[in-house]
Structure formats: structure tokens, C-alpha cells
Amino acid sequence: MSQRFSSTVRLKARPEFLIVQEQGHRVATKYVTLLGMANGRPSDRLGLIASRKFGNAVARNRAKRRLREIFRHQEPDTIGERGLKGLDLVAIPRRALLEASFAVVNADFCAAVQKIRGLA
């Protein structure tokens, strides 16, 4: 995947988020709560929710940047080639994500995506 977080791999509109939140499967881990459902597309899409309850703007944006970077490295371009279903994912970071190392959060996120893939 390119280094950009392009519009084809993003959830943008509120109705897209609501469908995943209402109909998707939820997996809670130490660093992120992940909601996901099959989207019928050849690639995964990601939406991020970080409310003011999470922290100030700096903390919210740092958490979202980290999750976007982890998602970029998940090889979403090859999902269809590997015979997997594309997923719509909504990630809600937890405060512990800010203090954790990138590698630990990456492993946590990947495990959550694999659980969602097994459920969807």
C-alpha cells in the first residue's frame, strides 16, 4: 500500500461508522477496542474514534496517527489476493496506547484484527 492513508481505505461518513458499530463484532484489547464487519470489498477500511474523554487534542491525534500507521503496514492491498474478506474496522484507542511501545500496540492491533476476521 502507498504511504498515504487514501480515501479508499477510510470510513468517512457517519452512517458507515454507525453500521459497523451496530452490526459489527467487537473485540476489546488492552490498547484498542476494535469493531469490524465484512464489507464485500477487496480491501480493508479503517475508521477512528477518539473522543474528548480520551484526552486533549495532542493525545487524540497521536493515538490516531499510531493506529493509522499500524493499519498501513497490514498489507490491505493483498487481502483479496489471499482469499480473505475485506473488513470495515472502527478503532477506539484506550489511554494505555499512548505509553506503550509501537511494537506492542502493533501486535495487539493485529491480534484484534485476526479475531474479527475469524468472527466475520
PDB file of N, CA and C in Angstrom:
ATOM      1  N   MET A   1       0.835  -1.179   0.000  1.00  0.00           N
ATOM      2  CA  MET A   1       0.000   0.000   0.000  1.00  0.00           C
ATOM      3  C   MET A   1       0.878   1.239   0.000  1.00  0.00           C
ATOM      4  N   SER A   2       0.410   2.289  -0.612  1.00  0.00           N
ATOM      5  CA  SER A   2       1.179   3.520  -0.625  1.00  0.00           C
ATOM      6  C   SER A   2       1.270   4.081   0.793  1.00  0.00           C
ATOM      7  N   GLN A   3       2.112   5.054   0.968  1.00  0.00           N
ATOM      8  CA  GLN A   3       2.304   5.629   2.288  1.00  0.00           C
ATOM      9  C   GLN A   3       1.163   6.558   2.693  1.00  0.00           C
ATOM     10  N   ARG A   4       0.284   6.884   1.761  1.00  0.00           N
ATOM     11  CA  ARG A   4      -0.863   7.729   2.080  1.00  0.00           C
ATOM     12  C   ARG A   4      -1.999   6.902   2.651  1.00  0.00           C
ATOM     13  N   PHE A   5      -2.779   7.522   3.487  1.00  0.00           N
ATOM     14  CA  PHE A   5      -3.984   6.914   4.025  1.00  0.00           C
ATOM     15  C   PHE A   5      -5.120   7.404   3.141  1.00  0.00           C
ATOM     16  N   SER A   6      -5.265   6.791   1.972  1.00  0.00           N
ATOM     17  CA  SER A   6      -6.166   7.295   0.938  1.00  0.00           C
ATOM     18  C   SER A   6      -7.628   7.124   1.308  1.00  0.00           C
ATOM     19  N   SER A   7      -8.475   7.808   0.551  1.00  0.00           N
ATOM     20  CA  SER A   7      -9.911   7.781   0.852  1.00  0.00           C
ATOM     21  C   SER A   7     -10.542   6.415   0.581  1.00  0.00           C
ATOM     22  N   THR A   8      -9.890   5.567  -0.196  1.00  0.00           N
ATOM     23  CA  THR A   8     -10.455   4.242  -0.470  1.00  0.00           C
ATOM     24  C   THR A   8     -10.323   3.302   0.716  1.00  0.00           C
ATOM     25  N   VAL A   9      -9.459   3.611   1.662  1.00  0.00           N
ATOM     26  CA  VAL A   9      -9.262   2.738   2.823  1.00  0.00           C
ATOM     27  C   VAL A   9      -9.742   3.397   4.112  1.00  0.00           C
ATOM     28  N   ARG A  10     -10.596   4.415   3.985  1.00  0.00           N
ATOM     29  CA  ARG A  10     -11.126   5.138   5.143  1.00  0.00           C
ATOM     30  C   ARG A  10     -12.627   5.005   5.246  1.00  0.00           C
ATOM     31  N   LEU A  11     -13.122   4.934   6.459  1.00  0.00           N
ATOM     32  CA  LEU A  11     -14.549   5.150   6.709  1.00  0.00           C
ATOM     33  C   LEU A  11     -14.685   6.646   6.936  1.00  0.00           C
ATOM     34  N   LYS A  12     -15.581   7.286   6.184  1.00  0.00           N
ATOM     35  CA  LYS A  12     -15.651   8.737   6.252  1.00  0.00           C
ATOM     36  C   LYS A  12     -16.973   9.256   6.800  1.00  0.00           C
ATOM     37  N   ALA A  13     -18.066   8.663   6.403  1.00  0.00           N
ATOM     38  CA  ALA A  13     -19.381   9.197   6.744  1.00  0.00           C
ATOM     39  C   ALA A  13     -19.926   8.550   8.014  1.00  0.00           C
ATOM     40  N   ARG A  14     -20.694   9.312   8.743  1.00  0.00           N
ATOM     41  CA  ARG A  14     -21.303   8.816   9.980  1.00  0.00           C
ATOM     42  C   ARG A  14     -22.110   7.537   9.773  1.00  0.00           C
ATOM     43  N   PRO A  15     -22.908   7.415   8.697  1.00  0.00           N
ATOM     44  CA  PRO A  15     -23.658   6.160   8.516  1.00  0.00           C
ATOM     45  C   PRO A  15     -22.756   4.930   8.387  1.00  0.00           C
ATOM     46  N   GLU A  16     -21.566   5.081   7.801  1.00  0.00           N
ATOM     47  CA  GLU A  16     -20.637   3.949   7.701  1.00  0.00           C
ATOM     48  C   GLU A  16     -20.180   3.518   9.089  1.00  0.00           C
ATOM     49  N   PHE A  17     -19.872   4.490   9.948  1.00  0.00           N
ATOM     50  CA  PHE A  17     -19.471   4.180  11.317  1.00  0.00           C
ATOM     51  C   PHE A  17     -20.606   3.507  12.083  1.00  0.00           C
ATOM     52  N   LEU A  18     -21.809   4.048  11.931  1.00  0.00           N
ATOM     53  CA  LEU A  18     -22.953   3.511  12.676  1.00  0.00           C
ATOM     54  C   LEU A  18     -23.274   2.076  12.296  1.00  0.00           C
ATOM     55  N   ILE A  19     -23.174   1.747  11.016  1.00  0.00           N
ATOM     56  CA  ILE A  19     -23.443   0.368  10.576  1.00  0.00           C
ATOM     57  C   ILE A  19     -22.465  -0.592  11.240  1.00  0.00           C
ATOM     58  N   VAL A  20     -21.175  -0.222  11.251  1.00  0.00           N
ATOM     59  CA  VAL A  20     -20.171  -1.095  11.873  1.00  0.00           C
ATOM     60  C   VAL A  20     -20.418  -1.193  13.375  1.00  0.00           C
ATOM     61  N   GLN A  21     -20.760  -0.085  14.014  1.00  0.00           N
ATOM     62  CA  GLN A  21     -20.990  -0.103  15.457  1.00  0.00           C
ATOM     63  C   GLN A  21     -22.217  -0.929  15.830  1.00  0.00           C
ATOM     64  N   GLU A  22     -23.252  -0.901  15.014  1.00  0.00           N
ATOM     65  CA  GLU A  22     -24.483  -1.613  15.334  1.00  0.00           C
ATOM     66  C   GLU A  22     -24.443  -3.086  14.930  1.00  0.00           C
ATOM     67  N   GLN A  23     -23.838  -3.386  13.775  1.00  0.00           N
ATOM     68  CA  GLN A  23     -23.897  -4.740  13.234  1.00  0.00           C
ATOM     69  C   GLN A  23     -22.584  -5.508  13.338  1.00  0.00           C
ATOM     70  N   GLY A  24     -21.497  -4.829  13.639  1.00  0.00           N
ATOM     71  CA  GLY A  24     -20.190  -5.473  13.635  1.00  0.00           C
ATOM     72  C   GLY A  24     -19.890  -6.226  14.916  1.00  0.00           C
ATOM     73  N   HIS A  25     -18.789  -6.945  14.884  1.00  0.00           N
ATOM     74  CA  HIS A  25     -18.298  -7.686  16.045  1.00  0.00           C
ATOM     75  C   HIS A  25     -17.318  -6.803  16.799  1.00  0.00           C
ATOM     76  N   ARG A  26     -17.288  -6.939  18.131  1.00  0.00           N
ATOM     77  CA  ARG A  26     -16.440  -6.115  18.982  1.00  0.00           C
ATOM     78  C   ARG A  26     -15.376  -6.984  19.631  1.00  0.00           C
ATOM     79  N   VAL A  27     -14.142  -6.492  19.583  1.00  0.00           N
ATOM     80  CA  VAL A  27     -13.033  -7.145  20.271  1.00  0.00           C
ATOM     81  C   VAL A  27     -12.325  -6.075  21.089  1.00  0.00           C
ATOM     82  N   ALA A  28     -12.231  -6.274  22.393  1.00  0.00           N
ATOM     83  CA  ALA A  28     -11.573  -5.317  23.274  1.00  0.00           C
ATOM     84  C   ALA A  28     -10.227  -5.881  23.698  1.00  0.00           C
ATOM     85  N   THR A  29      -9.181  -5.075  23.555  1.00  0.00           N
ATOM     86  CA  THR A  29      -7.841  -5.455  23.988  1.00  0.00           C
ATOM     87  C   THR A  29      -7.343  -4.388  24.951  1.00  0.00           C
ATOM     88  N   LYS A  30      -6.116  -4.522  25.391  1.00  0.00           N
ATOM     89  CA  LYS A  30      -5.565  -3.587  26.368  1.00  0.00           C
ATOM     90  C   LYS A  30      -5.407  -2.178  25.788  1.00  0.00           C
ATOM     91  N   TYR A  31      -5.118  -2.075  24.492  1.00  0.00           N
ATOM     92  CA  TYR A  31      -4.794  -0.785  23.903  1.00  0.00           C
ATOM     93  C   TYR A  31      -5.851  -0.234  22.945  1.00  0.00           C
ATOM     94  N   VAL A  32      -6.758  -1.077  22.483  1.00  0.00           N
ATOM     95  CA  VAL A  32      -7.740  -0.610  21.496  1.00  0.00           C
ATOM     96  C   VAL A  32      -8.992  -1.481  21.565  1.00  0.00           C
ATOM     97  N   THR A  33     -10.125  -0.848  21.318  1.00  0.00           N
ATOM     98  CA  THR A  33     -11.365  -1.592  21.107  1.00  0.00           C
ATOM     99  C   THR A  33     -11.617  -1.554  19.614  1.00  0.00           C
ATOM    100  N   LEU A  34     -11.796  -2.710  19.018  1.00  0.00           N
ATOM    101  CA  LEU A  34     -11.945  -2.802  17.572  1.00  0.00           C
ATOM    102  C   LEU A  34     -13.307  -3.380  17.242  1.00  0.00           C
ATOM    103  N   LEU A  35     -14.025  -2.695  16.373  1.00  0.00           N
ATOM    104  CA  LEU A  35     -15.297  -3.181  15.863  1.00  0.00           C
ATOM    105  C   LEU A  35     -15.102  -3.454  14.385  1.00  0.00           C
ATOM    106  N   GLY A  36     -15.661  -4.544  13.887  1.00  0.00           N
ATOM    107  CA  GLY A  36     -15.459  -4.851  12.485  1.00  0.00           C
ATOM    108  C   GLY A  36     -16.542  -5.721  11.910  1.00  0.00           C
ATOM    109  N   MET A  37     -16.696  -5.592  10.606  1.00  0.00           N
ATOM    110  CA  MET A  37     -17.634  -6.427   9.865  1.00  0.00           C
ATOM    111  C   MET A  37     -17.160  -6.516   8.424  1.00  0.00           C
ATOM    112  N   ALA A  38     -17.577  -7.579   7.741  1.00  0.00           N
ATOM    113  CA  ALA A  38     -17.216  -7.767   6.339  1.00  0.00           C
ATOM    114  C   ALA A  38     -17.833  -6.652   5.506  1.00  0.00           C
ATOM    115  N   ASN A  39     -17.074  -6.190   4.510  1.00  0.00           N
ATOM    116  CA  ASN A  39     -17.569  -5.069   3.707  1.00  0.00           C
ATOM    117  C   ASN A  39     -17.814  -5.419   2.242  1.00  0.00           C
ATOM    118  N   GLY A  40     -17.475  -6.624   1.793  1.00  0.00           N
ATOM    119  CA  GLY A  40     -17.702  -7.021   0.413  1.00  0.00           C
ATOM    120  C   GLY A  40     -16.766  -6.350  -0.571  1.00  0.00           C
ATOM    121  N   ARG A  41     -15.704  -5.749  -0.106  1.00  0.00           N
ATOM    122  CA  ARG A  41     -14.721  -5.092  -0.961  1.00  0.00           C
ATOM    123  C   ARG A  41     -13.429  -5.912  -0.957  1.00  0.00           C
ATOM    124  N   PRO A  42     -12.553  -5.630  -1.878  1.00  0.00           N
ATOM    125  CA  PRO A  42     -11.302  -6.386  -1.903  1.00  0.00           C
ATOM    126  C   PRO A  42     -10.262  -5.907  -0.887  1.00  0.00           C
ATOM    127  N   SER A  43     -10.563  -4.854  -0.126  1.00  0.00           N
ATOM    128  CA  SER A  43      -9.587  -4.372   0.850  1.00  0.00           C
ATOM    129  C   SER A  43     -10.281  -3.925   2.130  1.00  0.00           C
ATOM    130  N   ASP A  44      -9.487  -3.787   3.177  1.00  0.00           N
ATOM    131  CA  ASP A  44      -9.993  -3.318   4.461  1.00  0.00           C
ATOM    132  C   ASP A  44     -10.124  -1.798   4.447  1.00  0.00           C
ATOM    133  N   ARG A  45     -11.026  -1.291   5.303  1.00  0.00           N
ATOM    134  CA  ARG A  45     -11.159   0.147   5.501  1.00  0.00           C
ATOM    135  C   ARG A  45     -11.130   0.421   6.998  1.00  0.00           C
ATOM    136  N   LEU A  46     -10.606   1.565   7.390  1.00  0.00           N
ATOM    137  CA  LEU A  46     -10.439   1.899   8.803  1.00  0.00           C
ATOM    138  C   LEU A  46     -11.103   3.226   9.125  1.00  0.00           C
ATOM    139  N   GLY A  47     -11.786   3.261  10.259  1.00  0.00           N
ATOM    140  CA  GLY A  47     -12.318   4.493  10.819  1.00  0.00           C
ATOM    141  C   GLY A  47     -11.832   4.602  12.255  1.00  0.00           C
ATOM    142  N   LEU A  48     -11.551   5.819  12.694  1.00  0.00           N
ATOM    143  CA  LEU A  48     -11.019   6.033  14.032  1.00  0.00           C
ATOM    144  C   LEU A  48     -11.947   6.934  14.842  1.00  0.00           C
ATOM    145  N   ILE A  49     -12.129   6.582  16.102  1.00  0.00           N
ATOM    146  CA  ILE A  49     -12.930   7.391  17.008  1.00  0.00           C
ATOM    147  C   ILE A  49     -12.091   7.649  18.254  1.00  0.00           C
ATOM    148  N   ALA A  50     -11.818   8.915  18.529  1.00  0.00           N
ATOM    149  CA  ALA A  50     -11.123   9.290  19.758  1.00  0.00           C
ATOM    150  C   ALA A  50     -11.851  10.503  20.316  1.00  0.00           C
ATOM    151  N   SER A  51     -12.690  10.285  21.313  1.00  0.00           N
ATOM    152  CA  SER A  51     -13.492  11.370  21.871  1.00  0.00           C
ATOM    153  C   SER A  51     -12.656  12.227  22.816  1.00  0.00           C
ATOM    154  N   ARG A  52     -13.213  13.327  23.251  1.00  0.00           N
ATOM    155  CA  ARG A  52     -12.520  14.211  24.182  1.00  0.00           C
ATOM    156  C   ARG A  52     -12.274  13.536  25.523  1.00  0.00           C
ATOM    157  N   LYS A  53     -13.032  12.500  25.801  1.00  0.00           N
ATOM    158  CA  LYS A  53     -12.827  11.741  27.034  1.00  0.00           C
ATOM    159  C   LYS A  53     -11.447  11.060  27.017  1.00  0.00           C
ATOM    160  N   PHE A  54     -10.924  10.791  25.839  1.00  0.00           N
ATOM    161  CA  PHE A  54      -9.623  10.132  25.698  1.00  0.00           C
ATOM    162  C   PHE A  54      -8.503  11.033  26.203  1.00  0.00           C
ATOM    163  N   GLY A  55      -8.589  12.314  25.888  1.00  0.00           N
ATOM    164  CA  GLY A  55      -7.543  13.253  26.296  1.00  0.00           C
ATOM    165  C   GLY A  55      -7.623  14.521  25.469  1.00  0.00           C
ATOM    166  N   ASN A  56      -6.579  15.337  25.586  1.00  0.00           N
ATOM    167  CA  ASN A  56      -6.575  16.578  24.822  1.00  0.00           C
ATOM    168  C   ASN A  56      -6.297  16.294  23.344  1.00  0.00           C
ATOM    169  N   ALA A  57      -6.312  17.332  22.524  1.00  0.00           N
ATOM    170  CA  ALA A  57      -6.163  17.168  21.075  1.00  0.00           C
ATOM    171  C   ALA A  57      -4.841  16.509  20.702  1.00  0.00           C
ATOM    172  N   VAL A  58      -3.781  16.855  21.416  1.00  0.00           N
ATOM    173  CA  VAL A  58      -2.470  16.271  21.130  1.00  0.00           C
ATOM    174  C   VAL A  58      -2.503  14.763  21.349  1.00  0.00           C
ATOM    175  N   ALA A  59      -3.069  14.325  22.448  1.00  0.00           N
ATOM    176  CA  ALA A  59      -3.148  12.891  22.762  1.00  0.00           C
ATOM    177  C   ALA A  59      -4.038  12.160  21.762  1.00  0.00           C
ATOM    178  N   ARG A  60      -5.193  12.742  21.447  1.00  0.00           N
ATOM    179  CA  ARG A  60      -6.102  12.098  20.488  1.00  0.00           C
ATOM    180  C   ARG A  60      -5.434  11.935  19.128  1.00  0.00           C
ATOM    181  N   ASN A  61      -4.782  12.979  18.653  1.00  0.00           N
ATOM    182  CA  ASN A  61      -4.146  12.912  17.338  1.00  0.00           C
ATOM    183  C   ASN A  61      -2.962  11.961  17.325  1.00  0.00           C
ATOM    184  N   ARG A  62      -2.208  11.903  18.412  1.00  0.00           N
ATOM    185  CA  ARG A  62      -1.084  10.963  18.482  1.00  0.00           C
ATOM    186  C   ARG A  62      -1.584   9.524  18.408  1.00  0.00           C
ATOM    187  N   ALA A  63      -2.656   9.224  19.131  1.00  0.00           N
ATOM    188  CA  ALA A  63      -3.224   7.871  19.115  1.00  0.00           C
ATOM    189  C   ALA A  63      -3.731   7.521  17.718  1.00  0.00           C
ATOM    190  N   LYS A  64      -4.410   8.455  17.067  1.00  0.00           N
ATOM    191  CA  LYS A  64      -4.928   8.183  15.719  1.00  0.00           C
ATOM    192  C   LYS A  64      -3.796   8.001  14.718  1.00  0.00           C
ATOM    193  N   ARG A  65      -2.730   8.797  14.830  1.00  0.00           N
ATOM    194  CA  ARG A  65      -1.580   8.637  13.929  1.00  0.00           C
ATOM    195  C   ARG A  65      -0.947   7.263  14.089  1.00  0.00           C
ATOM    196  N   ARG A  66      -0.813   6.813  15.332  1.00  0.00           N
ATOM    197  CA  ARG A  66      -0.212   5.495  15.576  1.00  0.00           C
ATOM    198  C   ARG A  66      -1.066   4.383  14.970  1.00  0.00           C
ATOM    199  N   LEU A  67      -2.380   4.468  15.159  1.00  0.00           N
ATOM    200  CA  LEU A  67      -3.263   3.431  14.616  1.00  0.00           C
ATOM    201  C   LEU A  67      -3.283   3.454  13.093  1.00  0.00           C
ATOM    202  N   ARG A  68      -3.250   4.635  12.486  1.00  0.00           N
ATOM    203  CA  ARG A  68      -3.186   4.709  11.019  1.00  0.00           C
ATOM    204  C   ARG A  68      -1.907   4.070  10.499  1.00  0.00           C
ATOM    205  N   GLU A  69      -0.796   4.333  11.167  1.00  0.00           N
ATOM    206  CA  GLU A  69       0.482   3.770  10.733  1.00  0.00           C
ATOM    207  C   GLU A  69       0.467   2.242  10.852  1.00  0.00           C
ATOM    208  N   ILE A  70      -0.086   1.727  11.913  1.00  0.00           N
ATOM    209  CA  ILE A  70      -0.193   0.269  12.072  1.00  0.00           C
ATOM    210  C   ILE A  70      -1.069  -0.308  10.971  1.00  0.00           C
ATOM    211  N   PHE A  71      -2.181   0.340  10.681  1.00  0.00           N
ATOM    212  CA  PHE A  71      -3.090  -0.132   9.633  1.00  0.00           C
ATOM    213  C   PHE A  71      -2.401  -0.124   8.268  1.00  0.00           C
ATOM    214  N   ARG A  72      -1.602   0.913   7.987  1.00  0.00           N
ATOM    215  CA  ARG A  72      -0.891   0.989   6.709  1.00  0.00           C
ATOM    216  C   ARG A  72       0.020  -0.204   6.485  1.00  0.00           C
ATOM    217  N   HIS A  73       0.590  -0.714   7.554  1.00  0.00           N
ATOM    218  CA  HIS A  73       1.533  -1.827   7.432  1.00  0.00           C
ATOM    219  C   HIS A  73       0.863  -3.200   7.467  1.00  0.00           C
ATOM    220  N   GLN A  74      -0.462  -3.252   7.448  1.00  0.00           N
ATOM    221  CA  GLN A  74      -1.185  -4.521   7.470  1.00  0.00           C
ATOM    222  C   GLN A  74      -1.322  -5.158   6.099  1.00  0.00           C
ATOM    223  N   GLU A  75      -0.758  -4.569   5.071  1.00  0.00           N
ATOM    224  CA  GLU A  75      -0.849  -5.069   3.698  1.00  0.00           C
ATOM    225  C   GLU A  75      -2.293  -5.220   3.240  1.00  0.00           C
ATOM    226  N   PRO A  76      -3.095  -4.175   3.301  1.00  0.00           N
ATOM    227  CA  PRO A  76      -4.501  -4.307   2.903  1.00  0.00           C
ATOM    228  C   PRO A  76      -4.690  -4.525   1.404  1.00  0.00           C
ATOM    229  N   ASP A  77      -3.676  -4.209   0.578  1.00  0.00           N
ATOM    230  CA  ASP A  77      -3.807  -4.414  -0.867  1.00  0.00           C
ATOM    231  C   ASP A  77      -3.866  -5.892  -1.235  1.00  0.00           C
ATOM    232  N   THR A  78      -3.354  -6.759  -0.379  1.00  0.00           N
ATOM    233  CA  THR A  78      -3.281  -8.175  -0.717  1.00  0.00           C
ATOM    234  C   THR A  78      -4.386  -9.000  -0.057  1.00  0.00           C
ATOM    235  N   ILE A  79      -5.343  -8.358   0.567  1.00  0.00           N
ATOM    236  CA  ILE A  79      -6.422  -9.080   1.258  1.00  0.00           C
ATOM    237  C   ILE A  79      -7.180  -9.971   0.275  1.00  0.00           C
ATOM    238  N   GLY A  80      -7.629  -9.397  -0.845  1.00  0.00           N
ATOM    239  CA  GLY A  80      -8.384 -10.162  -1.837  1.00  0.00           C
ATOM    240  C   GLY A  80      -7.558 -11.260  -2.473  1.00  0.00           C
ATOM    241  N   GLU A  81      -6.273 -10.989  -2.692  1.00  0.00           N
ATOM    242  CA  GLU A  81      -5.390 -11.989  -3.305  1.00  0.00           C
ATOM    243  C   GLU A  81      -5.195 -13.196  -2.400  1.00  0.00           C
ATOM    244  N   ARG A  82      -5.273 -12.992  -1.093  1.00  0.00           N
ATOM    245  CA  ARG A  82      -5.091 -14.100  -0.153  1.00  0.00           C
ATOM    246  C   ARG A  82      -6.397 -14.822   0.136  1.00  0.00           C
ATOM    247  N   GLY A  83      -7.473 -14.420  -0.520  1.00  0.00           N
ATOM    248  CA  GLY A  83      -8.760 -15.086  -0.334  1.00  0.00           C
ATOM    249  C   GLY A  83      -9.496 -14.676   0.923  1.00  0.00           C
ATOM    250  N   LEU A  84      -9.116 -13.560   1.517  1.00  0.00           N
ATOM    251  CA  LEU A  84      -9.778 -13.087   2.728  1.00  0.00           C
ATOM    252  C   LEU A  84     -10.826 -12.044   2.381  1.00  0.00           C
ATOM    253  N   LYS A  85     -11.825 -11.908   3.250  1.00  0.00           N
ATOM    254  CA  LYS A  85     -12.838 -10.875   3.067  1.00  0.00           C
ATOM    255  C   LYS A  85     -12.277  -9.533   3.521  1.00  0.00           C
ATOM    256  N   GLY A  86     -12.681  -8.481   2.820  1.00  0.00           N
ATOM    257  CA  GLY A  86     -12.337  -7.146   3.274  1.00  0.00           C
ATOM    258  C   GLY A  86     -13.186  -6.799   4.487  1.00  0.00           C
ATOM    259  N   LEU A  87     -12.641  -5.995   5.379  1.00  0.00           N
ATOM    260  CA  LEU A  87     -13.340  -5.619   6.600  1.00  0.00           C
ATOM    261  C   LEU A  87     -13.483  -4.111   6.697  1.00  0.00           C
ATOM    262  N   ASP A  88     -14.579  -3.663   7.279  1.00  0.00           N
ATOM    263  CA  ASP A  88     -14.704  -2.290   7.746  1.00  0.00           C
ATOM    264  C   ASP A  88     -14.376  -2.334   9.230  1.00  0.00           C
ATOM    265  N   LEU A  89     -13.366  -1.580   9.641  1.00  0.00           N
ATOM    266  CA  LEU A  89     -12.908  -1.584  11.025  1.00  0.00           C
ATOM    267  C   LEU A  89     -13.087  -0.201  11.635  1.00  0.00           C
ATOM    268  N   VAL A  90     -13.580  -0.165  12.853  1.00  0.00           N
ATOM    269  CA  VAL A  90     -13.636   1.066  13.628  1.00  0.00           C
ATOM    270  C   VAL A  90     -12.782   0.825  14.862  1.00  0.00           C
ATOM    271  N   ALA A  91     -11.747   1.655  15.026  1.00  0.00           N
ATOM    272  CA  ALA A  91     -10.828   1.513  16.149  1.00  0.00           C
ATOM    273  C   ALA A  91     -11.054   2.642  17.148  1.00  0.00           C
ATOM    274  N   ILE A  92     -11.165   2.260  18.413  1.00  0.00           N
ATOM    275  CA  ILE A  92     -11.327   3.222  19.506  1.00  0.00           C
ATOM    276  C   ILE A  92     -10.131   3.018  20.438  1.00  0.00           C
ATOM    277  N   PRO A  93      -9.184   3.957  20.434  1.00  0.00           N
ATOM    278  CA  PRO A  93      -7.992   3.764  21.260  1.00  0.00           C
ATOM    279  C   PRO A  93      -8.291   3.920  22.745  1.00  0.00           C
ATOM    280  N   ARG A  94      -7.453   3.270  23.560  1.00  0.00           N
ATOM    281  CA  ARG A  94      -7.527   3.409  25.020  1.00  0.00           C
ATOM    282  C   ARG A  94      -6.317   4.215  25.480  1.00  0.00           C
ATOM    283  N   ARG A  95      -6.409   4.823  26.637  1.00  0.00           N
ATOM    284  CA  ARG A  95      -5.338   5.713  27.117  1.00  0.00           C
ATOM    285  C   ARG A  95      -3.994   5.009  27.230  1.00  0.00           C
ATOM    286  N   ALA A  96      -4.002   3.728  27.527  1.00  0.00           N
ATOM    287  CA  ALA A  96      -2.748   2.985  27.688  1.00  0.00           C
ATOM    288  C   ALA A  96      -1.943   2.948  26.390  1.00  0.00           C
ATOM    289  N   LEU A  97      -2.587   3.180  25.266  1.00  0.00           N
ATOM    290  CA  LEU A  97      -1.906   3.163  23.973  1.00  0.00           C
ATOM    291  C   LEU A  97      -0.809   4.214  23.900  1.00  0.00           C
ATOM    292  N   LEU A  98      -0.985   5.343  24.566  1.00  0.00           N
ATOM    293  CA  LEU A  98      -0.020   6.433  24.492  1.00  0.00           C
ATOM    294  C   LEU A  98       1.309   6.097  25.154  1.00  0.00           C
ATOM    295  N   GLU A  99       1.298   5.278  26.207  1.00  0.00           N
ATOM    296  CA  GLU A  99       2.532   4.941  26.912  1.00  0.00           C
ATOM    297  C   GLU A  99       3.197   3.672  26.383  1.00  0.00           C
ATOM    298  N   ALA A 100       2.480   2.877  25.616  1.00  0.00           N
ATOM    299  CA  ALA A 100       3.004   1.595  25.139  1.00  0.00           C
ATOM    300  C   ALA A 100       3.925   1.791  23.942  1.00  0.00           C
ATOM    301  N   SER A 101       4.832   0.837  23.753  1.00  0.00           N
ATOM    302  CA  SER A 101       5.718   0.902  22.590  1.00  0.00           C
ATOM    303  C   SER A 101       4.934   0.562  21.327  1.00  0.00           C
ATOM    304  N   PHE A 102       5.458   1.029  20.217  1.00  0.00           N
ATOM    305  CA  PHE A 102       4.790   0.816  18.931  1.00  0.00           C
ATOM    306  C   PHE A 102       4.640  -0.672  18.628  1.00  0.00           C
ATOM    307  N   ALA A 103       5.669  -1.455  18.913  1.00  0.00           N
ATOM    308  CA  ALA A 103       5.639  -2.887  18.617  1.00  0.00           C
ATOM    309  C   ALA A 103       4.549  -3.610  19.408  1.00  0.00           C
ATOM    310  N   VAL A 104       4.365  -3.229  20.656  1.00  0.00           N
ATOM    311  CA  VAL A 104       3.351  -3.865  21.497  1.00  0.00           C
ATOM    312  C   VAL A 104       1.949  -3.525  20.990  1.00  0.00           C
ATOM    313  N   VAL A 105       1.735  -2.250  20.657  1.00  0.00           N
ATOM    314  CA  VAL A 105       0.431  -1.833  20.139  1.00  0.00           C
ATOM    315  C   VAL A 105       0.164  -2.500  18.791  1.00  0.00           C
ATOM    316  N   ASN A 106       1.196  -2.618  17.967  1.00  0.00           N
ATOM    317  CA  ASN A 106       1.054  -3.275  16.665  1.00  0.00           C
ATOM    318  C   ASN A 106       0.618  -4.727  16.836  1.00  0.00           C
ATOM    319  N   ALA A 107       1.256  -5.443  17.744  1.00  0.00           N
ATOM    320  CA  ALA A 107       0.891  -6.844  17.988  1.00  0.00           C
ATOM    321  C   ALA A 107      -0.536  -6.954  18.520  1.00  0.00           C
ATOM    322  N   ASP A 108      -0.920  -6.037  19.394  1.00  0.00           N
ATOM    323  CA  ASP A 108      -2.265  -6.016  19.969  1.00  0.00           C
ATOM    324  C   ASP A 108      -3.312  -5.772  18.877  1.00  0.00           C
ATOM    325  N   PHE A 109      -3.057  -4.800  18.015  1.00  0.00           N
ATOM    326  CA  PHE A 109      -3.978  -4.470  16.932  1.00  0.00           C
ATOM    327  C   PHE A 109      -4.109  -5.642  15.955  1.00  0.00           C
ATOM    328  N   CYS A 110      -2.980  -6.250  15.598  1.00  0.00           N
ATOM    329  CA  CYS A 110      -3.004  -7.392  14.658  1.00  0.00           C
ATOM    330  C   CYS A 110      -3.790  -8.561  15.236  1.00  0.00           C
ATOM    331  N   ALA A 111      -3.626  -8.822  16.519  1.00  0.00           N
ATOM    332  CA  ALA A 111      -4.369  -9.914  17.153  1.00  0.00           C
ATOM    333  C   ALA A 111      -5.865  -9.615  17.130  1.00  0.00           C
ATOM    334  N   ALA A 112      -6.232  -8.365  17.373  1.00  0.00           N
ATOM    335  CA  ALA A 112      -7.653  -7.987  17.351  1.00  0.00           C
ATOM    336  C   ALA A 112      -8.228  -8.132  15.951  1.00  0.00           C
ATOM    337  N   VAL A 113      -7.471  -7.747  14.935  1.00  0.00           N
ATOM    338  CA  VAL A 113      -7.957  -7.882  13.556  1.00  0.00           C
ATOM    339  C   VAL A 113      -8.149  -9.351  13.204  1.00  0.00           C
ATOM    340  N   GLN A 114      -7.239 -10.206  13.638  1.00  0.00           N
ATOM    341  CA  GLN A 114      -7.365 -11.637  13.361  1.00  0.00           C
ATOM    342  C   GLN A 114      -8.609 -12.224  14.032  1.00  0.00           C
ATOM    343  N   LYS A 115      -8.922 -11.776  15.255  1.00  0.00           N
ATOM    344  CA  LYS A 115     -10.124 -12.237  15.937  1.00  0.00           C
ATOM    345  C   LYS A 115     -11.379 -11.804  15.170  1.00  0.00           C
ATOM    346  N   ILE A 116     -11.388 -10.551  14.719  1.00  0.00           N
ATOM    347  CA  ILE A 116     -12.521 -10.040  13.952  1.00  0.00           C
ATOM    348  C   ILE A 116     -12.660 -10.838  12.656  1.00  0.00           C
ATOM    349  N   ARG A 117     -11.549 -11.120  11.990  1.00  0.00           N
ATOM    350  CA  ARG A 117     -11.576 -11.887  10.746  1.00  0.00           C
ATOM    351  C   ARG A 117     -12.186 -13.269  10.971  1.00  0.00           C
ATOM    352  N   GLY A 118     -11.896 -13.860  12.127  1.00  0.00           N
ATOM    353  CA  GLY A 118     -12.470 -15.161  12.445  1.00  0.00           C
ATOM    354  C   GLY A 118     -13.963 -15.106  12.729  1.00  0.00           C
ATOM    355  N   LEU A 119     -14.433 -13.978  13.215  1.00  0.00           N
ATOM    356  CA  LEU A 119     -15.851 -13.831  13.530  1.00  0.00           C
ATOM    357  C   LEU A 119     -16.686 -13.406  12.322  1.00  0.00           C
ATOM    358  N   ALA A 120     -16.086 -12.610  11.441  1.00  0.00           N
ATOM    359  CA  ALA A 120     -16.840 -12.046  10.298  1.00  0.00           C
ATOM    360  C   ALA A 120     -17.034 -13.042   9.186  1.00  0.00           C
TER     361      ALA A 120
END
